[in-house]
C-alpha atoms as a PDB file:
ATOM      1  CA  PHE A   1      -9.386  -2.394 -44.631  1.00  0.00           C
ATOM      2  CA  ALA A   2      -5.778  -3.265 -45.495  1.00  0.00           C
ATOM      3  CA  SER A   3      -2.789  -3.035 -43.853  1.00  0.00           C
ATOM      4  CA  GLY A   4      -1.802   0.270 -41.891  1.00  0.00           C
ATOM      5  CA  ALA A   5      -3.092   3.151 -40.617  1.00  0.00           C
ATOM      6  CA  THR A   6      -7.187   4.172 -41.827  1.00  0.00           C
ATOM      7  CA  ASN A   7      -9.191   6.962 -40.514  1.00  0.00           C
ATOM      8  CA  PHE A   8     -12.354   6.450 -42.103  1.00  0.00           C
ATOM      9  CA  THR A   9     -14.166   8.771 -39.794  1.00  0.00           C
ATOM     10  CA  GLY A  10     -15.557  11.036 -42.498  1.00  0.00           C
ATOM     11  CA  GLY A  11     -16.316   7.757 -44.265  1.00  0.00           C
ATOM     12  CA  THR A  12     -20.321   6.129 -45.142  1.00  0.00           C
ATOM     13  CA  LEU A  13     -21.177   2.332 -43.998  1.00  0.00           C
ATOM     14  CA  SER A  14     -23.703   1.481 -46.480  1.00  0.00           C
ATOM     15  CA  ASP A  15     -25.511  -1.894 -45.723  1.00  0.00           C
ATOM     16  CA  THR A  16     -21.476  -3.226 -44.531  1.00  0.00           C
ATOM     17  CA  ASP A  17     -22.324  -6.372 -42.423  1.00  0.00           C
ATOM     18  CA  VAL A  18     -18.479  -7.193 -41.769  1.00  0.00           C
ATOM     19  CA  ILE A  19     -15.825  -5.135 -41.624  1.00  0.00           C
ATOM     20  CA  ASN A  20     -12.501  -6.844 -41.600  1.00  0.00           C
ATOM     21  CA  VAL A  21      -9.109  -5.706 -40.887  1.00  0.00           C
ATOM     22  CA  VAL A  22      -6.452  -7.516 -42.151  1.00  0.00           C
ATOM     23  CA  SER A  23      -2.925  -7.910 -39.847  1.00  0.00           C
ATOM     24  CA  GLY A  24      -0.549  -4.675 -39.055  1.00  0.00           C
ATOM     25  CA  GLY A  25      -4.227  -2.528 -39.674  1.00  0.00           C
ATOM     26  CA  THR A  26      -5.801  -0.212 -37.784  1.00  0.00           C
ATOM     27  CA  VAL A  27      -9.056   1.455 -39.151  1.00  0.00           C
ATOM     28  CA  THR A  28     -10.590   4.147 -37.119  1.00  0.00           C
ATOM     29  CA  PHE A  29     -14.115   5.374 -36.826  1.00  0.00           C
ATOM     30  CA  ASN A  30     -16.694   7.769 -35.390  1.00  0.00           C
ATOM     31  CA  GLY A  31     -18.968   6.753 -32.588  1.00  0.00           C
ATOM     32  CA  THR A  32     -22.077   7.302 -34.781  1.00  0.00           C
ATOM     33  CA  GLN A  33     -20.691   4.799 -38.085  1.00  0.00           C
ATOM     34  CA  LEU A  34     -21.078   1.375 -35.941  1.00  0.00           C
ATOM     35  CA  ALA A  35     -24.390   0.015 -34.859  1.00  0.00           C
ATOM     36  CA  SER A  36     -24.755  -4.108 -35.569  1.00  0.00           C
ATOM     37  CA  GLN A  37     -21.648  -5.120 -37.863  1.00  0.00           C
ATOM     38  CA  THR A  38     -19.148  -7.773 -36.889  1.00  0.00           C
ATOM     39  CA  LEU A  39     -15.760  -6.597 -37.084  1.00  0.00           C
ATOM     40  CA  SER A  40     -13.626  -9.982 -38.415  1.00  0.00           C
ATOM     41  CA  GLY A  41      -9.561  -9.889 -38.963  1.00  0.00           C
ATOM     42  CA  ALA A  42      -6.467  -9.813 -37.329  1.00  0.00           C
ATOM     43  CA  GLY A  43      -6.098  -6.045 -37.229  1.00  0.00           C
ATOM     44  CA  ASN A  44      -7.721  -3.194 -34.755  1.00  0.00           C
ATOM     45  CA  VAL A  45     -10.570  -0.978 -34.726  1.00  0.00           C
ATOM     46  CA  VAL A  46     -10.207   2.193 -33.043  1.00  0.00           C
ATOM     47  CA  VAL A  47     -13.884   4.097 -32.158  1.00  0.00           C
ATOM     48  CA  ASN A  48     -13.536   7.675 -31.439  1.00  0.00           C
ATOM     49  CA  ALA A  49     -16.765   8.546 -29.139  1.00  0.00           C
ATOM     50  CA  SER A  50     -18.386  11.874 -28.941  1.00  0.00           C
ATOM     51  CA  GLY A  51     -21.427  12.000 -27.317  1.00  0.00           C
ATOM     52  CA  THR A  52     -23.559   8.742 -27.561  1.00  0.00           C
ATOM     53  CA  ALA A  53     -21.619   6.008 -28.349  1.00  0.00           C
ATOM     54  CA  ASN A  54     -23.660   2.322 -28.227  1.00  0.00           C
ATOM     55  CA  LEU A  55     -21.549  -0.059 -29.488  1.00  0.00           C
ATOM     56  CA  SER A  56     -23.756  -3.223 -27.650  1.00  0.00           C
ATOM     57  CA  GLY A  57     -25.057  -4.352 -31.582  1.00  0.00           C
ATOM     58  CA  LEU A  58     -21.557  -5.174 -32.633  1.00  0.00           C
ATOM     59  CA  THR A  59     -20.213  -8.379 -33.097  1.00  0.00           C
ATOM     60  CA  ASN A  60     -16.742  -8.134 -31.807  1.00  0.00           C
ATOM     61  CA  SER A  61     -14.506 -11.172 -33.275  1.00  0.00           C
ATOM     62  CA  LEU A  62     -10.818  -9.214 -34.473  1.00  0.00           C
ATOM     63  CA  GLY A  63      -7.921 -10.920 -33.369  1.00  0.00           C
ATOM     64  CA  GLY A  64      -6.425  -7.481 -32.919  1.00  0.00           C
ATOM     65  CA  THR A  65      -7.774  -4.750 -30.776  1.00  0.00           C
ATOM     66  CA  LEU A  66     -11.157  -2.632 -30.268  1.00  0.00           C
ATOM     67  CA  THR A  67     -10.117   0.640 -28.736  1.00  0.00           C
ATOM     68  CA  ILE A  68     -12.650   3.068 -28.025  1.00  0.00           C
ATOM     69  CA  ASN A  69     -11.849   7.008 -26.520  1.00  0.00           C
ATOM     70  CA  ASP A  70     -13.944   9.278 -25.229  1.00  0.00           C
ATOM     71  CA  SER A  71     -14.047  13.175 -26.244  1.00  0.00           C
ATOM     72  CA  ASN A  72     -13.662  16.372 -24.498  1.00  0.00           C
ATOM     73  CA  ASN A  73     -17.041  16.257 -23.801  1.00  0.00           C
ATOM     74  CA  ALA A  74     -19.252  14.221 -21.235  1.00  0.00           C
ATOM     75  CA  ASP A  75     -19.655  10.993 -23.552  1.00  0.00           C
ATOM     76  CA  THR A  76     -21.867   7.617 -23.148  1.00  0.00           C
ATOM     77  CA  ILE A  77     -20.390   4.631 -24.366  1.00  0.00           C
ATOM     78  CA  THR A  78     -21.622   1.207 -24.419  1.00  0.00           C
ATOM     79  CA  GLY A  79     -19.160  -1.522 -25.170  1.00  0.00           C
ATOM     80  CA  THR A  80     -19.000  -4.645 -26.982  1.00  0.00           C
ATOM     81  CA  ALA A  81     -19.310  -8.473 -25.396  1.00  0.00           C
ATOM     82  CA  ALA A  82     -16.044  -8.902 -26.005  1.00  0.00           C
ATOM     83  CA  ALA A  83     -13.026  -7.751 -24.885  1.00  0.00           C
ATOM     84  CA  ASP A  84     -12.533  -3.890 -25.202  1.00  0.00           C
ATOM     85  CA  LEU A  85     -10.173  -0.915 -24.399  1.00  0.00           C
ATOM     86  CA  ILE A  86     -12.012   1.901 -23.375  1.00  0.00           C
ATOM     87  CA  ASN A  87      -9.661   5.093 -22.607  1.00  0.00           C
ATOM     88  CA  LEU A  88     -11.680   7.991 -20.676  1.00  0.00           C
ATOM     89  CA  THR A  89      -8.385  10.066 -21.007  1.00  0.00           C
ATOM     90  CA  ASN A  90      -9.681  13.185 -22.609  1.00  0.00           C
ATOM     91  CA  ALA A  91     -12.081  15.139 -19.976  1.00  0.00           C
ATOM     92  CA  GLY A  92     -15.685  14.970 -19.198  1.00  0.00           C
ATOM     93  CA  LEU A  93     -18.061  13.178 -17.113  1.00  0.00           C
ATOM     94  CA  ASP A  94     -18.413  10.363 -19.020  1.00  0.00           C
ATOM     95  CA  VAL A  95     -20.402   7.393 -18.452  1.00  0.00           C
ATOM     96  CA  VAL A  96     -19.403   3.811 -19.215  1.00  0.00           C
ATOM     97  CA  ASN A  97     -20.958   0.312 -19.262  1.00  0.00           C
ATOM     98  CA  ALA A  98     -18.320  -1.845 -21.179  1.00  0.00           C
ATOM     99  CA  GLY A  99     -20.415  -4.620 -21.893  1.00  0.00           C
ATOM    100  CA  ALA A 100     -19.686  -8.492 -20.922  1.00  0.00           C
ATOM    101  CA  GLY A 101     -15.670  -9.626 -21.747  1.00  0.00           C
ATOM    102  CA  ALA A 102     -12.438  -8.576 -20.002  1.00  0.00           C
ATOM    103  CA  ASP A 103     -12.622  -5.215 -20.414  1.00  0.00           C
ATOM    104  CA  THR A 104     -10.022  -2.578 -19.404  1.00  0.00           C
ATOM    105  CA  ILE A 105     -11.317   0.904 -18.644  1.00  0.00           C
ATOM    106  CA  THR A 106      -8.156   3.403 -18.224  1.00  0.00           C
ATOM    107  CA  ILE A 107      -9.134   6.903 -16.743  1.00  0.00           C
ATOM    108  CA  ASN A 108      -6.921  10.105 -16.004  1.00  0.00           C
ATOM    109  CA  HIS A 109      -9.675  12.157 -15.052  1.00  0.00           C
ATOM    110  CA  ALA A 110     -12.751  11.427 -12.822  1.00  0.00           C
ATOM    111  CA  VAL A 111     -15.905  10.371 -14.612  1.00  0.00           C
ATOM    112  CA  SER A 112     -19.388   9.931 -13.727  1.00  0.00           C
ATOM    113  CA  SER A 113     -20.216   5.958 -13.262  1.00  0.00           C
ATOM    114  CA  ILE A 114     -17.998   3.070 -14.566  1.00  0.00           C
ATOM    115  CA  ASN A 115     -19.836  -0.606 -15.079  1.00  0.00           C
ATOM    116  CA  GLY A 116     -17.394  -3.262 -16.449  1.00  0.00           C
ATOM    117  CA  GLY A 117     -20.594  -4.618 -17.475  1.00  0.00           C
ATOM    118  CA  ASP A 118     -19.958  -8.701 -16.404  1.00  0.00           C
ATOM    119  CA  ASN A 119     -20.200  -9.539 -13.016  1.00  0.00           C
ATOM    120  CA  SER A 120     -19.434 -13.097 -14.013  1.00  0.00           C
ATOM    121  CA  SER A 121     -15.737 -15.047 -13.273  1.00  0.00           C
ATOM    122  CA  THR A 122     -14.491 -12.678 -16.057  1.00  0.00           C
ATOM    123  CA  SER A 123     -12.015 -10.267 -14.803  1.00  0.00           C
ATOM    124  CA  ASP A 124     -13.089  -6.226 -15.512  1.00  0.00           C
ATOM    125  CA  THR A 125      -9.896  -3.871 -14.894  1.00  0.00           C
ATOM    126  CA  LEU A 126     -10.025   0.126 -13.966  1.00  0.00           C
ATOM    127  CA  ALA A 127      -6.471   1.282 -14.450  1.00  0.00           C
ATOM    128  CA  VAL A 128      -5.539   4.899 -13.148  1.00  0.00           C
ATOM    129  CA  ALA A 129      -3.256   6.343 -15.913  1.00  0.00           C
ATOM    130  CA  ALA A 130       0.253   6.756 -15.093  1.00  0.00           C
ATOM    131  CA  SER A 131       0.634  10.911 -13.327  1.00  0.00           C
ATOM    132  CA  SER A 132      -2.961  11.614 -13.202  1.00  0.00           C
ATOM    133  CA  GLY A 133      -3.055  13.038  -9.901  1.00  0.00           C
ATOM    134  CA  ILE A 134      -5.495  12.942  -7.037  1.00  0.00           C
ATOM    135  CA  ILE A 135      -8.846  11.450  -9.069  1.00  0.00           C
ATOM    136  CA  ASP A 136     -11.983  10.864  -6.634  1.00  0.00           C
ATOM    137  CA  LEU A 137     -14.711   8.701  -7.478  1.00  0.00           C
ATOM    138  CA  ARG A 138     -16.640   8.837  -4.225  1.00  0.00           C
ATOM    139  CA  THR A 139     -19.425  10.254  -5.905  1.00  0.00           C
ATOM    140  CA  ALA A 140     -19.330   7.783  -8.857  1.00  0.00           C
ATOM    141  CA  THR A 141     -20.946   4.735 -10.062  1.00  0.00           C
ATOM    142  CA  ILE A 142     -18.371   1.861  -9.957  1.00  0.00           C
ATOM    143  CA  ALA A 143     -19.724  -1.598 -10.639  1.00  0.00           C
ATOM    144  CA  ASP A 144     -18.750  -4.877 -11.908  1.00  0.00           C
ATOM    145  CA  ILE A 145     -14.760  -3.823 -11.769  1.00  0.00           C
ATOM    146  CA  GLN A 146     -12.952  -6.907 -10.363  1.00  0.00           C
ATOM    147  CA  VAL A 147      -9.298  -5.340 -10.611  1.00  0.00           C
ATOM    148  CA  VAL A 148      -8.169  -1.604 -10.055  1.00  0.00           C
ATOM    149  CA  THR A 149      -4.649  -0.870 -10.597  1.00  0.00           C
ATOM    150  CA  VAL A 150      -3.375   2.693  -9.925  1.00  0.00           C
ATOM    151  CA  ASN A 151      -0.333   3.860 -11.557  1.00  0.00           C
ATOM    152  CA  ASN A 152       3.041   5.599 -10.334  1.00  0.00           C
ATOM    153  CA  GLY A 153       1.917   9.144 -10.125  1.00  0.00           C
ATOM    154  CA  SER A 154      -1.563   8.701  -9.613  1.00  0.00           C
ATOM    155  CA  THR A 155      -3.950   8.410  -6.627  1.00  0.00           C
ATOM    156  CA  LEU A 156      -7.830   7.036  -6.632  1.00  0.00           C
ATOM    157  CA  ARG A 157      -9.526   7.927  -3.759  1.00  0.00           C
ATOM    158  CA  ILE A 158     -12.717   6.056  -2.958  1.00  0.00           C
ATOM    159  CA  THR A 159     -14.991   4.971  -0.160  1.00  0.00           C
ATOM    160  CA  ASP A 160     -15.080   2.159   1.936  1.00  0.00           C
ATOM    161  CA  THR A 161     -17.980   0.207   0.567  1.00  0.00           C
ATOM    162  CA  GLN A 162     -16.364   1.023  -3.492  1.00  0.00           C
ATOM    163  CA  ALA A 163     -13.884  -1.053  -2.193  1.00  0.00           C
ATOM    164  CA  SER A 164     -15.397  -3.959  -0.597  1.00  0.00           C
ATOM    165  CA  ASN A 165     -17.051  -4.787  -3.997  1.00  0.00           C
ATOM    166  CA  ILE A 166     -13.173  -5.146  -5.963  1.00  0.00           C
ATOM    167  CA  THR A 167     -11.285  -8.239  -5.623  1.00  0.00           C
ATOM    168  CA  THR A 168      -7.889  -6.794  -6.296  1.00  0.00           C
ATOM    169  CA  ILE A 169      -6.555  -3.425  -5.916  1.00  0.00           C
ATOM    170  CA  ASN A 170      -2.962  -2.641  -6.996  1.00  0.00           C
ATOM    171  CA  GLY A 171      -0.197  -0.845  -9.181  1.00  0.00           C
ATOM    172  CA  THR A 172       2.924   1.009  -8.026  1.00  0.00           C
ATOM    173  CA  GLY A 173       0.240   4.347  -7.332  1.00  0.00           C
ATOM    174  CA  THR A 174      -1.754   5.130  -4.545  1.00  0.00           C
ATOM    175  CA  ILE A 175      -5.330   4.077  -2.914  1.00  0.00           C
ATOM    176  CA  GLU A 176      -6.852   6.272  -0.919  1.00  0.00           C
ATOM    177  CA  VAL A 177      -9.952   4.824   1.050  1.00  0.00           C
ATOM    178  CA  VAL A 178     -12.588   7.336   2.619  1.00  0.00           C
ATOM    179  CA  ILE A 179     -14.283   6.000   5.824  1.00  0.00           C
ATOM    180  CA  SER A 180     -17.135   8.391   6.613  1.00  0.00           C
ATOM    181  CA  GLY A 181     -19.014   6.458   9.224  1.00  0.00           C
ATOM    182  CA  ASN A 182     -19.322   3.047  10.734  1.00  0.00           C
ATOM    183  CA  SER A 183     -17.753  -0.139   8.900  1.00  0.00           C
ATOM    184  CA  SER A 184     -17.339  -3.481   8.948  1.00  0.00           C
ATOM    185  CA  VAL A 185     -15.261  -3.883   5.051  1.00  0.00           C
ATOM    186  CA  ASN A 186     -12.266  -6.156   4.368  1.00  0.00           C
ATOM    187  CA  LEU A 187      -9.629  -3.591   2.772  1.00  0.00           C
ATOM    188  CA  SER A 188      -6.809  -6.495   3.063  1.00  0.00           C
ATOM    189  CA  ASN A 189      -7.833  -6.156  -0.925  1.00  0.00           C
ATOM    190  CA  MET A 190      -5.725  -3.239  -0.918  1.00  0.00           C
ATOM    191  CA  GLY A 191      -2.262  -4.091  -2.690  1.00  0.00           C
ATOM    192  CA  ALA A 192      -0.955  -0.686  -4.178  1.00  0.00           C
ATOM    193  CA  THR A 193       2.561   0.349  -3.201  1.00  0.00           C
ATOM    194  CA  THR A 194       1.272   3.698  -1.097  1.00  0.00           C
ATOM    195  CA  LYS A 195      -2.539   2.394   1.268  1.00  0.00           C
ATOM    196  CA  VAL A 196      -4.268   5.039   2.708  1.00  0.00           C
ATOM    197  CA  VAL A 197      -7.271   4.928   5.010  1.00  0.00           C
ATOM    198  CA  THR A 198      -8.812   8.600   5.772  1.00  0.00           C
ATOM    199  CA  VAL A 199     -11.012   8.484   8.299  1.00  0.00           C
ATOM    200  CA  SER A 200     -13.471  11.569   7.550  1.00  0.00           C
ATOM    201  CA  ALA A 201     -15.848  11.417  10.912  1.00  0.00           C
ATOM    202  CA  ASN A 202     -16.818   9.410  13.829  1.00  0.00           C
ATOM    203  CA  SER A 203     -16.161   5.401  12.995  1.00  0.00           C
ATOM    204  CA  THR A 204     -16.139   1.803  14.301  1.00  0.00           C
ATOM    205  CA  PHE A 205     -14.627   0.162  12.561  1.00  0.00           C
ATOM    206  CA  THR A 206     -14.587  -3.675  12.564  1.00  0.00           C
ATOM    207  CA  GLY A 207     -13.206  -4.599   9.457  1.00  0.00           C
ATOM    208  CA  THR A 208      -9.550  -5.283   8.265  1.00  0.00           C
ATOM    209  CA  PHE A 209      -6.824  -3.207   6.977  1.00  0.00           C
ATOM    210  CA  ALA A 210      -4.212  -4.460   4.749  1.00  0.00           C
ATOM    211  CA  SER A 211      -0.861  -4.537   5.978  1.00  0.00           C
ATOM    212  CA  GLY A 212       1.349  -1.198   5.459  1.00  0.00           C
ATOM    213  CA  THR A 213      -1.793   0.756   5.819  1.00  0.00           C
ATOM    214  CA  THR A 214      -1.298   4.425   7.065  1.00  0.00           C
ATOM    215  CA  ILE A 215      -4.663   5.647   8.569  1.00  0.00           C
ATOM    216  CA  SER A 216      -5.606   9.819   8.763  1.00  0.00           C
ATOM    217  CA  VAL A 217      -8.068  10.727  11.385  1.00  0.00           C
ATOM    218  CA  ALA A 218      -9.222  13.947  10.330  1.00  0.00           C
ATOM    219  CA  ASP A 219      -9.338  16.609  12.815  1.00  0.00           C
ATOM    220  CA  GLY A 220     -12.265  16.453  14.679  1.00  0.00           C
ATOM    221  CA  ALA A 221     -13.184  12.513  13.632  1.00  0.00           C
ATOM    222  CA  LYS A 222     -12.465   9.450  15.918  1.00  0.00           C
ATOM    223  CA  LEU A 223     -11.694   5.903  14.975  1.00  0.00           C
ATOM    224  CA  THR A 224     -12.634   3.164  17.509  1.00  0.00           C
END
């Protein structure tokens, strides 16, 4: 594919093993067109998912970026073994497994499941887009995410158990961790500009709060 933007979402890839995108080029596909091809070249590829988009069979050798976008419905997205940019910024209770590689998953709404796909030393990042309001992921699955970045104008609400599995929480937004029972979690990883711990039920807490954390105890709850 040549330089410039090419929308190939209505095209047919017949017996195509290698998709080469030259420098300065960006080619857009839909989530069902790609299966086991090799992506190469210095350009970029965008995949617009709708329903199920399983890209785990792709070989991502791009010098540019592979960006995967969700739709307005609930999508199931599986990334490649390389570094992917996955944007869950439309709508729907999406399910994502990013696959291996240093992936970045950006959200602006609540989703069902986020798996970075790699629990090795490679860092997968969950980013909350700016001005997203309050995103409550307490009932969602969050796995193999090493870094959480909450941007300005957004609040990410998670449980203490979810927070304990994240190495670094940062950003200019607000991170709120909810404790609903006895807990010994180390929350010193909370490094966002605004840090809030909400105790929603009686709790004996023997863990560690990050410096500068605001602790809020709900009516009827007791923190000891």
